Amino acid sequence: MDKVNSKKIKINCSVEQVVDIFFQLHNELYFEGKPLIGGNPEDLARIITNSFLDSEGKALDPSWVKTMLVPPTPSREYKVFIM
């Protein structure tokens, strides 16, 4: 198998927008009951950080990208007691 020498692609918009596209492909968009792309947040973060640079040409922080790819947990319900 040939190795491909590829350069990272510069993102000209908000990094959050690109990460959100991957989030949606993994968590919100389905085909035949399966996400459009598989993997886990760590795998996706690795793909994103190995493929893209921010608008200033700087590397993306893998831990930040991974955090953005993890679905939020349901908020806890707080009971308010009025006396």
PDB file of N, CA and C in Angstrom:
ATOM      1  N   MET A   1       0.847  -1.176   0.000  1.00  0.00           N
ATOM      2  CA  MET A   1       0.000   0.000   0.000  1.00  0.00           C
ATOM      3  C   MET A   1       0.893   1.239   0.000  1.00  0.00           C
ATOM      4  N   ASP A   2       0.584   2.173  -0.874  1.00  0.00           N
ATOM      5  CA  ASP A   2       1.372   3.400  -0.964  1.00  0.00           C
ATOM      6  C   ASP A   2       0.977   4.366   0.133  1.00  0.00           C
ATOM      7  N   LYS A   3       1.977   5.003   0.711  1.00  0.00           N
ATOM      8  CA  LYS A   3       1.700   6.044   1.693  1.00  0.00           C
ATOM      9  C   LYS A   3       1.423   7.340   0.947  1.00  0.00           C
ATOM     10  N   VAL A   4       0.461   8.062   1.423  1.00  0.00           N
ATOM     11  CA  VAL A   4       0.106   9.338   0.812  1.00  0.00           C
ATOM     12  C   VAL A   4       0.721  10.450   1.646  1.00  0.00           C
ATOM     13  N   ASN A   5       1.499  11.291   0.999  1.00  0.00           N
ATOM     14  CA  ASN A   5       2.051  12.455   1.685  1.00  0.00           C
ATOM     15  C   ASN A   5       1.024  13.570   1.568  1.00  0.00           C
ATOM     16  N   SER A   6       0.361  13.835   2.659  1.00  0.00           N
ATOM     17  CA  SER A   6      -0.666  14.867   2.617  1.00  0.00           C
ATOM     18  C   SER A   6      -0.357  15.956   3.629  1.00  0.00           C
ATOM     19  N   LYS A   7      -0.723  17.148   3.260  1.00  0.00           N
ATOM     20  CA  LYS A   7      -0.582  18.278   4.166  1.00  0.00           C
ATOM     21  C   LYS A   7      -1.906  18.493   4.865  1.00  0.00           C
ATOM     22  N   LYS A   8      -1.838  19.103   6.026  1.00  0.00           N
ATOM     23  CA  LYS A   8      -3.066  19.428   6.742  1.00  0.00           C
ATOM     24  C   LYS A   8      -3.795  20.543   6.007  1.00  0.00           C
ATOM     25  N   ILE A   9      -5.104  20.488   6.085  1.00  0.00           N
ATOM     26  CA  ILE A   9      -5.959  21.454   5.408  1.00  0.00           C
ATOM     27  C   ILE A   9      -6.324  22.563   6.387  1.00  0.00           C
ATOM     28  N   LYS A  10      -6.156  23.800   5.932  1.00  0.00           N
ATOM     29  CA  LYS A  10      -6.481  24.957   6.767  1.00  0.00           C
ATOM     30  C   LYS A  10      -7.984  25.199   6.756  1.00  0.00           C
ATOM     31  N   ILE A  11      -8.555  25.362   7.943  1.00  0.00           N
ATOM     32  CA  ILE A  11      -9.976  25.660   8.094  1.00  0.00           C
ATOM     33  C   ILE A  11     -10.135  27.175   8.055  1.00  0.00           C
ATOM     34  N   ASN A  12     -10.975  27.678   7.164  1.00  0.00           N
ATOM     35  CA  ASN A  12     -11.170  29.123   7.039  1.00  0.00           C
ATOM     36  C   ASN A  12     -12.381  29.634   7.806  1.00  0.00           C
ATOM     37  N   CYS A  13     -13.028  28.753   8.537  1.00  0.00           N
ATOM     38  CA  CYS A  13     -14.167  29.152   9.362  1.00  0.00           C
ATOM     39  C   CYS A  13     -13.833  28.783  10.805  1.00  0.00           C
ATOM     40  N   SER A  14     -14.823  28.827  11.637  1.00  0.00           N
ATOM     41  CA  SER A  14     -14.637  28.441  13.034  1.00  0.00           C
ATOM     42  C   SER A  14     -14.343  26.940  13.122  1.00  0.00           C
ATOM     43  N   VAL A  15     -13.362  26.579  13.916  1.00  0.00           N
ATOM     44  CA  VAL A  15     -13.039  25.166  14.121  1.00  0.00           C
ATOM     45  C   VAL A  15     -14.255  24.433  14.687  1.00  0.00           C
ATOM     46  N   GLU A  16     -15.014  25.112  15.530  1.00  0.00           N
ATOM     47  CA  GLU A  16     -16.209  24.507  16.119  1.00  0.00           C
ATOM     48  C   GLU A  16     -17.186  24.039  15.045  1.00  0.00           C
ATOM     49  N   GLN A  17     -17.277  24.785  13.944  1.00  0.00           N
ATOM     50  CA  GLN A  17     -18.198  24.410  12.871  1.00  0.00           C
ATOM     51  C   GLN A  17     -17.780  23.093  12.227  1.00  0.00           C
ATOM     52  N   VAL A  18     -16.504  22.932  11.978  1.00  0.00           N
ATOM     53  CA  VAL A  18     -16.013  21.699  11.357  1.00  0.00           C
ATOM     54  C   VAL A  18     -16.160  20.524  12.317  1.00  0.00           C
ATOM     55  N   VAL A  19     -15.818  20.736  13.577  1.00  0.00           N
ATOM     56  CA  VAL A  19     -15.965  19.668  14.567  1.00  0.00           C
ATOM     57  C   VAL A  19     -17.439  19.288  14.701  1.00  0.00           C
ATOM     58  N   ASP A  20     -18.332  20.276  14.634  1.00  0.00           N
ATOM     59  CA  ASP A  20     -19.761  19.994  14.728  1.00  0.00           C
ATOM     60  C   ASP A  20     -20.247  19.147  13.555  1.00  0.00           C
ATOM     61  N   ILE A  21     -19.677  19.336  12.385  1.00  0.00           N
ATOM     62  CA  ILE A  21     -20.035  18.497  11.234  1.00  0.00           C
ATOM     63  C   ILE A  21     -19.726  17.037  11.548  1.00  0.00           C
ATOM     64  N   PHE A  22     -18.537  16.776  12.089  1.00  0.00           N
ATOM     65  CA  PHE A  22     -18.170  15.408  12.464  1.00  0.00           C
ATOM     66  C   PHE A  22     -19.078  14.890  13.578  1.00  0.00           C
ATOM     67  N   PHE A  23     -19.409  15.765  14.541  1.00  0.00           N
ATOM     68  CA  PHE A  23     -20.313  15.374  15.626  1.00  0.00           C
ATOM     69  C   PHE A  23     -21.649  14.914  15.055  1.00  0.00           C
ATOM     70  N   GLN A  24     -22.195  15.696  14.131  1.00  0.00           N
ATOM     71  CA  GLN A  24     -23.483  15.346  13.537  1.00  0.00           C
ATOM     72  C   GLN A  24     -23.401  14.049  12.740  1.00  0.00           C
ATOM     73  N   LEU A  25     -22.335  13.870  11.973  1.00  0.00           N
ATOM     74  CA  LEU A  25     -22.170  12.639  11.199  1.00  0.00           C
ATOM     75  C   LEU A  25     -22.090  11.413  12.103  1.00  0.00           C
ATOM     76  N   HIS A  26     -21.565  11.610  13.300  1.00  0.00           N
ATOM     77  CA  HIS A  26     -21.380  10.488  14.224  1.00  0.00           C
ATOM     78  C   HIS A  26     -22.560  10.283  15.171  1.00  0.00           C
ATOM     79  N   ASN A  27     -23.240  11.352  15.552  1.00  0.00           N
ATOM     80  CA  ASN A  27     -24.260  11.254  16.599  1.00  0.00           C
ATOM     81  C   ASN A  27     -25.689  11.562  16.169  1.00  0.00           C
ATOM     82  N   GLU A  28     -25.877  12.250  15.060  1.00  0.00           N
ATOM     83  CA  GLU A  28     -27.218  12.726  14.730  1.00  0.00           C
ATOM     84  C   GLU A  28     -27.749  12.266  13.377  1.00  0.00           C
ATOM     85  N   LEU A  29     -26.875  11.890  12.464  1.00  0.00           N
ATOM     86  CA  LEU A  29     -27.305  11.493  11.125  1.00  0.00           C
ATOM     87  C   LEU A  29     -27.099   9.997  10.950  1.00  0.00           C
ATOM     88  N   TYR A  30     -28.172   9.319  10.518  1.00  0.00           N
ATOM     89  CA  TYR A  30     -28.141   7.857  10.444  1.00  0.00           C
ATOM     90  C   TYR A  30     -28.540   7.361   9.059  1.00  0.00           C
ATOM     91  N   PHE A  31     -28.009   6.208   8.708  1.00  0.00           N
ATOM     92  CA  PHE A  31     -28.393   5.491   7.500  1.00  0.00           C
ATOM     93  C   PHE A  31     -28.630   4.048   7.894  1.00  0.00           C
ATOM     94  N   GLU A  32     -29.837   3.576   7.657  1.00  0.00           N
ATOM     95  CA  GLU A  32     -30.225   2.213   8.025  1.00  0.00           C
ATOM     96  C   GLU A  32     -29.933   1.922   9.498  1.00  0.00           C
ATOM     97  N   GLY A  33     -30.221   2.915  10.342  1.00  0.00           N
ATOM     98  CA  GLY A  33     -30.078   2.742  11.783  1.00  0.00           C
ATOM     99  C   GLY A  33     -28.671   2.878  12.330  1.00  0.00           C
ATOM    100  N   LYS A  34     -27.709   3.190  11.479  1.00  0.00           N
ATOM    101  CA  LYS A  34     -26.316   3.328  11.926  1.00  0.00           C
ATOM    102  C   LYS A  34     -25.834   4.748  11.656  1.00  0.00           C
ATOM    103  N   PRO A  35     -24.938   5.271  12.518  1.00  0.00           N
ATOM    104  CA  PRO A  35     -24.376   6.603  12.262  1.00  0.00           C
ATOM    105  C   PRO A  35     -23.672   6.630  10.903  1.00  0.00           C
ATOM    106  N   LEU A  36     -23.671   7.785  10.247  1.00  0.00           N
ATOM    107  CA  LEU A  36     -23.013   7.886   8.946  1.00  0.00           C
ATOM    108  C   LEU A  36     -21.527   7.590   9.031  1.00  0.00           C
ATOM    109  N   ILE A  37     -20.895   7.953  10.153  1.00  0.00           N
ATOM    110  CA  ILE A  37     -19.502   7.557  10.365  1.00  0.00           C
ATOM    111  C   ILE A  37     -19.394   6.887  11.732  1.00  0.00           C
ATOM    112  N   GLY A  38     -18.570   5.870  11.804  1.00  0.00           N
ATOM    113  CA  GLY A  38     -18.400   5.130  13.051  1.00  0.00           C
ATOM    114  C   GLY A  38     -17.235   5.670  13.853  1.00  0.00           C
ATOM    115  N   GLY A  39     -16.729   4.845  14.738  1.00  0.00           N
ATOM    116  CA  GLY A  39     -15.608   5.236  15.584  1.00  0.00           C
ATOM    117  C   GLY A  39     -16.089   5.766  16.911  1.00  0.00           C
ATOM    118  N   ASN A  40     -15.152   6.336  17.637  1.00  0.00           N
ATOM    119  CA  ASN A  40     -15.468   6.939  18.928  1.00  0.00           C
ATOM    120  C   ASN A  40     -14.877   8.346  18.935  1.00  0.00           C
ATOM    121  N   PRO A  41     -15.208   9.159  19.936  1.00  0.00           N
ATOM    122  CA  PRO A  41     -14.697  10.536  19.953  1.00  0.00           C
ATOM    123  C   PRO A  41     -13.172  10.628  19.851  1.00  0.00           C
ATOM    124  N   GLU A  42     -12.463   9.692  20.464  1.00  0.00           N
ATOM    125  CA  GLU A  42     -10.995   9.729  20.396  1.00  0.00           C
ATOM    126  C   GLU A  42     -10.507   9.493  18.968  1.00  0.00           C
ATOM    127  N   ASP A  43     -11.106   8.524  18.273  1.00  0.00           N
ATOM    128  CA  ASP A  43     -10.728   8.258  16.880  1.00  0.00           C
ATOM    129  C   ASP A  43     -11.021   9.461  15.993  1.00  0.00           C
ATOM    130  N   LEU A  44     -12.205  10.034  16.162  1.00  0.00           N
ATOM    131  CA  LEU A  44     -12.580  11.186  15.347  1.00  0.00           C
ATOM    132  C   LEU A  44     -11.688  12.391  15.639  1.00  0.00           C
ATOM    133  N   ALA A  45     -11.354  12.602  16.909  1.00  0.00           N
ATOM    134  CA  ALA A  45     -10.455  13.709  17.273  1.00  0.00           C
ATOM    135  C   ALA A  45      -9.095  13.526  16.606  1.00  0.00           C
ATOM    136  N   ARG A  46      -8.621  12.300  16.570  1.00  0.00           N
ATOM    137  CA  ARG A  46      -7.328  12.015  15.932  1.00  0.00           C
ATOM    138  C   ARG A  46      -7.391  12.328  14.436  1.00  0.00           C
ATOM    139  N   ILE A  47      -8.472  11.913  13.790  1.00  0.00           N
ATOM    140  CA  ILE A  47      -8.631  12.192  12.356  1.00  0.00           C
ATOM    141  C   ILE A  47      -8.671  13.697  12.106  1.00  0.00           C
ATOM    142  N   ILE A  48      -9.445  14.412  12.901  1.00  0.00           N
ATOM    143  CA  ILE A  48      -9.588  15.860  12.717  1.00  0.00           C
ATOM    144  C   ILE A  48      -8.265  16.576  12.961  1.00  0.00           C
ATOM    145  N   THR A  49      -7.584  16.257  14.065  1.00  0.00           N
ATOM    146  CA  THR A  49      -6.336  16.960  14.387  1.00  0.00           C
ATOM    147  C   THR A  49      -5.205  16.589  13.433  1.00  0.00           C
ATOM    148  N   ASN A  50      -5.274  15.406  12.838  1.00  0.00           N
ATOM    149  CA  ASN A  50      -4.251  15.010  11.863  1.00  0.00           C
ATOM    150  C   ASN A  50      -4.544  15.543  10.468  1.00  0.00           C
ATOM    151  N   SER A  51      -5.751  16.078  10.261  1.00  0.00           N
ATOM    152  CA  SER A  51      -6.156  16.512   8.926  1.00  0.00           C
ATOM    153  C   SER A  51      -6.286  18.023   8.765  1.00  0.00           C
ATOM    154  N   PHE A  52      -6.529  18.738   9.870  1.00  0.00           N
ATOM    155  CA  PHE A  52      -6.856  20.159   9.761  1.00  0.00           C
ATOM    156  C   PHE A  52      -5.988  21.048  10.642  1.00  0.00           C
ATOM    157  N   LEU A  53      -5.888  22.318  10.220  1.00  0.00           N
ATOM    158  CA  LEU A  53      -5.274  23.400  10.995  1.00  0.00           C
ATOM    159  C   LEU A  53      -6.331  24.480  11.181  1.00  0.00           C
ATOM    160  N   ASP A  54      -6.180  25.304  12.216  1.00  0.00           N
ATOM    161  CA  ASP A  54      -7.147  26.388  12.397  1.00  0.00           C
ATOM    162  C   ASP A  54      -6.906  27.489  11.366  1.00  0.00           C
ATOM    163  N   SER A  55      -7.711  28.531  11.403  1.00  0.00           N
ATOM    164  CA  SER A  55      -7.640  29.597  10.396  1.00  0.00           C
ATOM    165  C   SER A  55      -6.320  30.357  10.411  1.00  0.00           C
ATOM    166  N   GLU A  56      -5.576  30.244  11.506  1.00  0.00           N
ATOM    167  CA  GLU A  56      -4.268  30.895  11.598  1.00  0.00           C
ATOM    168  C   GLU A  56      -3.135  29.934  11.254  1.00  0.00           C
ATOM    169  N   GLY A  57      -3.483  28.709  10.850  1.00  0.00           N
ATOM    170  CA  GLY A  57      -2.478  27.715  10.486  1.00  0.00           C
ATOM    171  C   GLY A  57      -1.898  26.967  11.671  1.00  0.00           C
ATOM    172  N   LYS A  58      -2.532  27.082  12.836  1.00  0.00           N
ATOM    173  CA  LYS A  58      -2.046  26.410  14.046  1.00  0.00           C
ATOM    174  C   LYS A  58      -2.705  25.045  14.206  1.00  0.00           C
ATOM    175  N   ALA A  59      -1.975  24.137  14.851  1.00  0.00           N
ATOM    176  CA  ALA A  59      -2.493  22.793  15.112  1.00  0.00           C
ATOM    177  C   ALA A  59      -3.667  22.856  16.084  1.00  0.00           C
ATOM    178  N   LEU A  60      -4.564  21.905  15.953  1.00  0.00           N
ATOM    179  CA  LEU A  60      -5.721  21.826  16.845  1.00  0.00           C
ATOM    180  C   LEU A  60      -5.366  21.003  18.076  1.00  0.00           C
ATOM    181  N   ASP A  61      -5.942  21.357  19.202  1.00  0.00           N
ATOM    182  CA  ASP A  61      -5.703  20.653  20.461  1.00  0.00           C
ATOM    183  C   ASP A  61      -6.560  19.386  20.494  1.00  0.00           C
ATOM    184  N   PRO A  62      -5.933  18.203  20.477  1.00  0.00           N
ATOM    185  CA  PRO A  62      -6.698  16.951  20.448  1.00  0.00           C
ATOM    186  C   PRO A  62      -7.668  16.789  21.616  1.00  0.00           C
ATOM    187  N   SER A  63      -7.277  17.203  22.813  1.00  0.00           N
ATOM    188  CA  SER A  63      -8.170  17.027  23.964  1.00  0.00           C
ATOM    189  C   SER A  63      -9.394  17.937  23.844  1.00  0.00           C
ATOM    190  N   TRP A  64      -9.216  19.138  23.319  1.00  0.00           N
ATOM    191  CA  TRP A  64     -10.342  20.045  23.114  1.00  0.00           C
ATOM    192  C   TRP A  64     -11.294  19.480  22.060  1.00  0.00           C
ATOM    193  N   VAL A  65     -10.731  18.993  20.948  1.00  0.00           N
ATOM    194  CA  VAL A  65     -11.558  18.425  19.882  1.00  0.00           C
ATOM    195  C   VAL A  65     -12.336  17.226  20.413  1.00  0.00           C
ATOM    196  N   LYS A  66     -11.673  16.365  21.175  1.00  0.00           N
ATOM    197  CA  LYS A  66     -12.350  15.188  21.740  1.00  0.00           C
ATOM    198  C   LYS A  66     -13.499  15.612  22.647  1.00  0.00           C
ATOM    199  N   THR A  67     -13.268  16.618  23.472  1.00  0.00           N
ATOM    200  CA  THR A  67     -14.317  17.120  24.361  1.00  0.00           C
ATOM    201  C   THR A  67     -15.520  17.608  23.556  1.00  0.00           C
ATOM    202  N   MET A  68     -15.271  18.283  22.448  1.00  0.00           N
ATOM    203  CA  MET A  68     -16.352  18.799  21.609  1.00  0.00           C
ATOM    204  C   MET A  68     -17.142  17.677  20.932  1.00  0.00           C
ATOM    205  N   LEU A  69     -16.527  16.508  20.776  1.00  0.00           N
ATOM    206  CA  LEU A  69     -17.180  15.396  20.085  1.00  0.00           C
ATOM    207  C   LEU A  69     -17.998  14.499  21.008  1.00  0.00           C
ATOM    208  N   VAL A  70     -17.852  14.665  22.311  1.00  0.00           N
ATOM    209  CA  VAL A  70     -18.591  13.840  23.268  1.00  0.00           C
ATOM    210  C   VAL A  70     -19.981  14.447  23.456  1.00  0.00           C
ATOM    211  N   PRO A  71     -21.031  13.641  23.257  1.00  0.00           N
ATOM    212  CA  PRO A  71     -22.382  14.181  23.445  1.00  0.00           C
ATOM    213  C   PRO A  71     -22.578  14.678  24.872  1.00  0.00           C
ATOM    214  N   PRO A  72     -23.327  15.756  25.030  1.00  0.00           N
ATOM    215  CA  PRO A  72     -23.568  16.268  26.387  1.00  0.00           C
ATOM    216  C   PRO A  72     -24.424  15.291  27.181  1.00  0.00           C
ATOM    217  N   THR A  73     -24.200  15.267  28.466  1.00  0.00           N
ATOM    218  CA  THR A  73     -25.022  14.426  29.331  1.00  0.00           C
ATOM    219  C   THR A  73     -26.297  15.184  29.664  1.00  0.00           C
ATOM    220  N   PRO A  74     -27.386  14.458  29.865  1.00  0.00           N
ATOM    221  CA  PRO A  74     -28.630  15.156  30.218  1.00  0.00           C
ATOM    222  C   PRO A  74     -28.443  15.951  31.505  1.00  0.00           C
ATOM    223  N   SER A  75     -28.990  17.143  31.516  1.00  0.00           N
ATOM    224  CA  SER A  75     -28.830  17.970  32.715  1.00  0.00           C
ATOM    225  C   SER A  75     -29.637  17.365  33.857  1.00  0.00           C
ATOM    226  N   ARG A  76     -29.106  17.507  35.022  1.00  0.00           N
ATOM    227  CA  ARG A  76     -29.794  16.993  36.206  1.00  0.00           C
ATOM    228  C   ARG A  76     -30.966  17.898  36.529  1.00  0.00           C
ATOM    229  N   GLU A  77     -32.015  17.277  36.992  1.00  0.00           N
ATOM    230  CA  GLU A  77     -33.174  18.067  37.398  1.00  0.00           C
ATOM    231  C   GLU A  77     -32.976  18.526  38.831  1.00  0.00           C
ATOM    232  N   TYR A  78     -33.195  19.786  39.044  1.00  0.00           N
ATOM    233  CA  TYR A  78     -33.093  20.331  40.391  1.00  0.00           C
ATOM    234  C   TYR A  78     -34.496  20.659  40.875  1.00  0.00           C
ATOM    235  N   LYS A  79     -34.796  20.221  42.060  1.00  0.00           N
ATOM    236  CA  LYS A  79     -36.101  20.516  42.635  1.00  0.00           C
ATOM    237  C   LYS A  79     -35.990  21.796  43.444  1.00  0.00           C
ATOM    238  N   VAL A  80     -36.938  22.652  43.221  1.00  0.00           N
ATOM    239  CA  VAL A  80     -36.962  23.919  43.941  1.00  0.00           C
ATOM    240  C   VAL A  80     -38.051  23.822  45.001  1.00  0.00           C
ATOM    241  N   PHE A  81     -37.654  24.049  46.209  1.00  0.00           N
ATOM    242  CA  PHE A  81     -38.609  24.024  47.313  1.00  0.00           C
ATOM    243  C   PHE A  81     -38.917  25.461  47.706  1.00  0.00           C
ATOM    244  N   ILE A  82     -40.181  25.790  47.648  1.00  0.00           N
ATOM    245  CA  ILE A  82     -40.613  27.132  48.037  1.00  0.00           C
ATOM    246  C   ILE A  82     -41.277  27.013  49.398  1.00  0.00           C
ATOM    247  N   MET A  83     -40.821  27.821  50.323  1.00  0.00           N
ATOM    248  CA  MET A  83     -41.376  27.766  51.676  1.00  0.00           C
ATOM    249  C   MET A  83     -42.240  28.955  51.929  1.00  0.00           C
TER     250      MET A  83
END
